Amino acid sequence: MSGPRGGHAGAGSPGRSAAAAGPVAFKAACTECRARFELDAAALRLVIGGSRRTTFYSFTCPRCGSTVRKPAGERIVELLTGGGVSTLRSV
């Protein structure tokens, strides 16, 4: 997962939302078919758990249809939440 492309989360004046900056696209890759592509925030899900092992993001590969789940460290969490990705907090 790379940082957002297009509009940048947090760009512009303080308090400005990512939506106001324009659409955000995230670079991603499938672990099954190895395709590389860009996804918008609606195509990603972020789960923040109580530990590093339970914090991850997931998406469905647009090429092969596989569900991809990858760990999300602090930086990835910051990028995804700043880019408007739907977030679920797990207990």
N, C-alpha and C. Protein backbone atom coordinates (compact mmCIF):
# COMPACT_ATOMS: atom_id res chain seq x y z
N MET A 1 0.85 -1.16 0.00
CA MET A 1 0.00 0.00 0.00
C MET A 1 0.90 1.22 0.00
N SER A 2 0.64 2.09 -0.93
CA SER A 2 1.33 3.37 -0.97
C SER A 2 0.38 4.45 -0.51
N GLY A 3 0.92 5.63 -0.37
CA GLY A 3 0.11 6.76 0.05
C GLY A 3 -0.93 7.13 -0.97
N PRO A 4 -1.79 8.04 -0.59
CA PRO A 4 -2.86 8.46 -1.49
C PRO A 4 -2.33 9.22 -2.68
N ARG A 5 -3.05 9.09 -3.79
CA ARG A 5 -2.76 9.87 -4.99
C ARG A 5 -3.95 10.75 -5.26
N GLY A 6 -3.79 11.69 -6.12
CA GLY A 6 -4.89 12.61 -6.41
C GLY A 6 -4.94 13.65 -5.33
N GLY A 7 -6.15 13.91 -4.82
CA GLY A 7 -6.28 14.85 -3.71
C GLY A 7 -5.57 14.27 -2.51
N HIS A 8 -4.93 15.08 -1.73
CA HIS A 8 -4.18 14.60 -0.58
C HIS A 8 -4.96 14.86 0.70
N ALA A 9 -5.08 13.83 1.52
CA ALA A 9 -5.74 14.01 2.81
C ALA A 9 -4.98 15.05 3.60
N GLY A 10 -5.70 15.98 4.14
CA GLY A 10 -5.06 16.99 4.95
C GLY A 10 -4.46 18.15 4.15
N ALA A 11 -4.62 18.13 2.84
CA ALA A 11 -4.07 19.21 2.03
C ALA A 11 -4.88 20.49 2.23
N GLY A 12 -4.26 21.59 2.04
CA GLY A 12 -4.96 22.86 2.14
C GLY A 12 -4.99 23.39 3.56
N SER A 13 -6.01 24.17 3.84
CA SER A 13 -6.10 24.81 5.15
C SER A 13 -6.46 23.81 6.24
N PRO A 14 -6.11 24.11 7.51
CA PRO A 14 -6.44 23.21 8.61
C PRO A 14 -7.94 22.98 8.67
N GLY A 15 -8.33 21.72 8.98
CA GLY A 15 -9.73 21.37 9.09
C GLY A 15 -10.38 21.02 7.76
N ARG A 16 -9.65 21.14 6.70
CA ARG A 16 -10.19 20.79 5.38
C ARG A 16 -10.22 19.29 5.23
N SER A 17 -11.34 18.73 4.81
CA SER A 17 -11.48 17.27 4.70
C SER A 17 -10.84 16.77 3.41
N ALA A 18 -10.58 15.45 3.37
CA ALA A 18 -10.02 14.83 2.18
C ALA A 18 -10.98 14.99 1.00
N ALA A 19 -12.29 14.92 1.27
CA ALA A 19 -13.27 15.05 0.20
C ALA A 19 -13.18 16.43 -0.43
N ALA A 20 -12.91 17.45 0.37
CA ALA A 20 -12.80 18.80 -0.15
C ALA A 20 -11.56 18.95 -1.02
N ALA A 21 -10.54 18.14 -0.77
CA ALA A 21 -9.31 18.22 -1.54
C ALA A 21 -9.43 17.46 -2.86
N GLY A 22 -10.49 16.69 -3.03
CA GLY A 22 -10.68 15.91 -4.24
C GLY A 22 -10.60 14.43 -3.95
N PRO A 23 -10.89 13.60 -4.95
CA PRO A 23 -10.89 12.16 -4.74
C PRO A 23 -9.48 11.65 -4.41
N VAL A 24 -9.43 10.66 -3.54
CA VAL A 24 -8.17 10.06 -3.14
C VAL A 24 -8.11 8.64 -3.68
N ALA A 25 -6.99 8.25 -4.28
CA ALA A 25 -6.78 6.89 -4.77
C ALA A 25 -5.56 6.31 -4.08
N PHE A 26 -5.66 5.06 -3.68
CA PHE A 26 -4.57 4.37 -2.99
C PHE A 26 -4.00 3.30 -3.90
N LYS A 27 -2.68 3.23 -3.99
CA LYS A 27 -2.02 2.16 -4.73
C LYS A 27 -2.07 0.89 -3.90
N ALA A 28 -2.39 -0.22 -4.54
CA ALA A 28 -2.47 -1.49 -3.84
C ALA A 28 -2.02 -2.60 -4.79
N ALA A 29 -1.79 -3.79 -4.21
CA ALA A 29 -1.39 -4.95 -4.99
C ALA A 29 -2.05 -6.19 -4.40
N CYS A 30 -2.40 -7.12 -5.27
CA CYS A 30 -3.03 -8.36 -4.85
C CYS A 30 -1.95 -9.39 -4.51
N THR A 31 -2.13 -10.07 -3.39
CA THR A 31 -1.18 -11.10 -2.99
C THR A 31 -1.39 -12.39 -3.77
N GLU A 32 -2.55 -12.56 -4.39
CA GLU A 32 -2.85 -13.78 -5.15
C GLU A 32 -2.36 -13.69 -6.60
N CYS A 33 -2.89 -12.72 -7.36
CA CYS A 33 -2.55 -12.62 -8.78
C CYS A 33 -1.41 -11.62 -9.06
N ARG A 34 -1.01 -10.88 -8.03
CA ARG A 34 0.08 -9.90 -8.10
C ARG A 34 -0.21 -8.68 -8.96
N ALA A 35 -1.47 -8.47 -9.27
CA ALA A 35 -1.87 -7.29 -10.04
C ALA A 35 -1.64 -6.05 -9.18
N ARG A 36 -1.32 -4.94 -9.83
CA ARG A 36 -1.17 -3.64 -9.16
C ARG A 36 -2.23 -2.72 -9.72
N PHE A 37 -2.84 -1.91 -8.85
CA PHE A 37 -3.94 -1.07 -9.26
C PHE A 37 -4.13 0.03 -8.25
N GLU A 38 -5.07 0.92 -8.52
CA GLU A 38 -5.44 1.98 -7.58
C GLU A 38 -6.87 1.74 -7.14
N LEU A 39 -7.14 1.99 -5.86
CA LEU A 39 -8.48 1.85 -5.29
C LEU A 39 -8.89 3.15 -4.63
N ASP A 40 -10.17 3.45 -4.70
CA ASP A 40 -10.65 4.62 -3.96
C ASP A 40 -10.98 4.19 -2.53
N ALA A 41 -11.22 5.16 -1.68
CA ALA A 41 -11.43 4.89 -0.25
C ALA A 41 -12.59 3.93 -0.01
N ALA A 42 -13.63 3.99 -0.83
CA ALA A 42 -14.79 3.12 -0.64
C ALA A 42 -14.48 1.64 -0.86
N ALA A 43 -13.40 1.34 -1.58
CA ALA A 43 -13.05 -0.05 -1.87
C ALA A 43 -12.22 -0.69 -0.76
N LEU A 44 -11.80 0.09 0.21
CA LEU A 44 -10.94 -0.40 1.30
C LEU A 44 -11.69 -0.42 2.62
N ARG A 45 -11.30 -1.33 3.51
CA ARG A 45 -11.82 -1.39 4.87
C ARG A 45 -10.62 -1.47 5.80
N LEU A 46 -10.67 -0.72 6.88
CA LEU A 46 -9.61 -0.71 7.88
C LEU A 46 -10.18 -1.21 9.20
N VAL A 47 -9.49 -2.17 9.82
CA VAL A 47 -9.88 -2.67 11.13
C VAL A 47 -8.76 -2.34 12.10
N ILE A 48 -9.07 -1.59 13.15
CA ILE A 48 -8.08 -1.23 14.15
C ILE A 48 -8.35 -2.09 15.38
N GLY A 49 -7.43 -2.98 15.67
CA GLY A 49 -7.56 -3.89 16.80
C GLY A 49 -6.74 -3.42 17.98
N GLY A 50 -6.68 -4.27 18.99
CA GLY A 50 -5.94 -3.94 20.20
C GLY A 50 -4.44 -4.14 20.09
N SER A 51 -3.97 -4.69 18.97
CA SER A 51 -2.53 -4.93 18.79
C SER A 51 -2.18 -4.80 17.32
N ARG A 52 -0.89 -4.87 17.03
CA ARG A 52 -0.44 -4.83 15.63
C ARG A 52 -0.97 -6.01 14.84
N ARG A 53 -1.09 -7.17 15.51
CA ARG A 53 -1.55 -8.38 14.82
C ARG A 53 -3.02 -8.31 14.45
N THR A 54 -3.78 -7.46 15.12
CA THR A 54 -5.22 -7.38 14.85
C THR A 54 -5.61 -6.07 14.16
N THR A 55 -4.64 -5.34 13.66
CA THR A 55 -4.90 -4.11 12.91
C THR A 55 -4.51 -4.38 11.46
N PHE A 56 -5.49 -4.25 10.55
CA PHE A 56 -5.25 -4.60 9.15
C PHE A 56 -6.20 -3.83 8.25
N TYR A 57 -5.90 -3.85 6.96
CA TYR A 57 -6.82 -3.32 5.96
C TYR A 57 -7.11 -4.43 4.97
N SER A 58 -8.26 -4.33 4.31
CA SER A 58 -8.62 -5.36 3.35
C SER A 58 -9.35 -4.74 2.17
N PHE A 59 -9.34 -5.49 1.07
CA PHE A 59 -10.02 -5.08 -0.16
C PHE A 59 -10.21 -6.31 -1.03
N THR A 60 -11.05 -6.19 -2.02
CA THR A 60 -11.26 -7.25 -3.00
C THR A 60 -10.50 -6.87 -4.26
N CYS A 61 -9.68 -7.80 -4.75
CA CYS A 61 -8.90 -7.53 -5.96
C CYS A 61 -9.84 -7.35 -7.14
N PRO A 62 -9.74 -6.23 -7.86
CA PRO A 62 -10.61 -6.00 -9.01
C PRO A 62 -10.29 -6.92 -10.19
N ARG A 63 -9.12 -7.54 -10.17
CA ARG A 63 -8.73 -8.41 -11.28
C ARG A 63 -9.18 -9.85 -11.08
N CYS A 64 -8.84 -10.44 -9.90
CA CYS A 64 -9.13 -11.86 -9.69
C CYS A 64 -10.26 -12.11 -8.70
N GLY A 65 -10.69 -11.08 -7.97
CA GLY A 65 -11.79 -11.23 -7.03
C GLY A 65 -11.40 -11.76 -5.66
N SER A 66 -10.12 -11.98 -5.41
CA SER A 66 -9.66 -12.47 -4.12
C SER A 66 -9.81 -11.40 -3.05
N THR A 67 -10.13 -11.84 -1.83
CA THR A 67 -10.13 -10.92 -0.70
C THR A 67 -8.70 -10.84 -0.18
N VAL A 68 -8.18 -9.63 -0.12
CA VAL A 68 -6.80 -9.41 0.30
C VAL A 68 -6.82 -8.73 1.67
N ARG A 69 -6.03 -9.26 2.59
CA ARG A 69 -5.92 -8.70 3.94
C ARG A 69 -4.44 -8.47 4.23
N LYS A 70 -4.11 -7.24 4.62
CA LYS A 70 -2.70 -6.89 4.89
C LYS A 70 -2.60 -6.15 6.21
N PRO A 71 -1.48 -6.33 6.91
CA PRO A 71 -1.30 -5.62 8.18
C PRO A 71 -1.20 -4.11 7.96
N ALA A 72 -1.65 -3.36 8.95
CA ALA A 72 -1.62 -1.90 8.85
C ALA A 72 -0.90 -1.33 10.06
N GLY A 73 0.30 -0.83 9.82
CA GLY A 73 1.04 -0.14 10.87
C GLY A 73 0.51 1.27 11.05
N GLU A 74 1.14 2.01 11.94
CA GLU A 74 0.68 3.36 12.27
C GLU A 74 0.59 4.27 11.05
N ARG A 75 1.57 4.22 10.19
CA ARG A 75 1.58 5.09 9.01
C ARG A 75 0.44 4.75 8.05
N ILE A 76 0.20 3.46 7.82
CA ILE A 76 -0.88 3.04 6.94
C ILE A 76 -2.23 3.46 7.54
N VAL A 77 -2.40 3.27 8.84
CA VAL A 77 -3.63 3.69 9.51
C VAL A 77 -3.85 5.18 9.31
N GLU A 78 -2.79 5.96 9.47
CA GLU A 78 -2.87 7.41 9.30
C GLU A 78 -3.28 7.78 7.87
N LEU A 79 -2.67 7.14 6.89
CA LEU A 79 -2.98 7.43 5.48
C LEU A 79 -4.42 7.04 5.14
N LEU A 80 -4.84 5.85 5.58
CA LEU A 80 -6.17 5.39 5.24
C LEU A 80 -7.26 6.21 5.92
N THR A 81 -7.10 6.49 7.20
CA THR A 81 -8.12 7.29 7.89
C THR A 81 -8.15 8.71 7.33
N GLY A 82 -7.00 9.27 7.04
CA GLY A 82 -6.93 10.61 6.45
C GLY A 82 -7.53 10.67 5.06
N GLY A 83 -7.54 9.52 4.36
CA GLY A 83 -8.09 9.46 3.01
C GLY A 83 -9.55 9.06 2.97
N GLY A 84 -10.17 8.92 4.14
CA GLY A 84 -11.61 8.65 4.17
C GLY A 84 -12.02 7.19 4.12
N VAL A 85 -11.08 6.28 4.40
CA VAL A 85 -11.41 4.85 4.40
C VAL A 85 -12.27 4.51 5.61
N SER A 86 -13.29 3.72 5.39
CA SER A 86 -14.19 3.29 6.45
C SER A 86 -13.41 2.47 7.48
N THR A 87 -13.59 2.80 8.75
CA THR A 87 -12.80 2.19 9.83
C THR A 87 -13.69 1.50 10.85
N LEU A 88 -13.27 0.31 11.27
CA LEU A 88 -13.96 -0.44 12.30
C LEU A 88 -12.97 -0.65 13.44
N ARG A 89 -13.39 -0.35 14.65
CA ARG A 89 -12.54 -0.59 15.81
C ARG A 89 -12.95 -1.91 16.43
N SER A 90 -11.98 -2.80 16.59
CA SER A 90 -12.22 -4.11 17.16
C SER A 90 -11.75 -4.14 18.61
N VAL A 91 -12.47 -4.88 19.42
CA VAL A 91 -12.11 -4.95 20.85
C VAL A 91 -11.24 -6.15 21.11
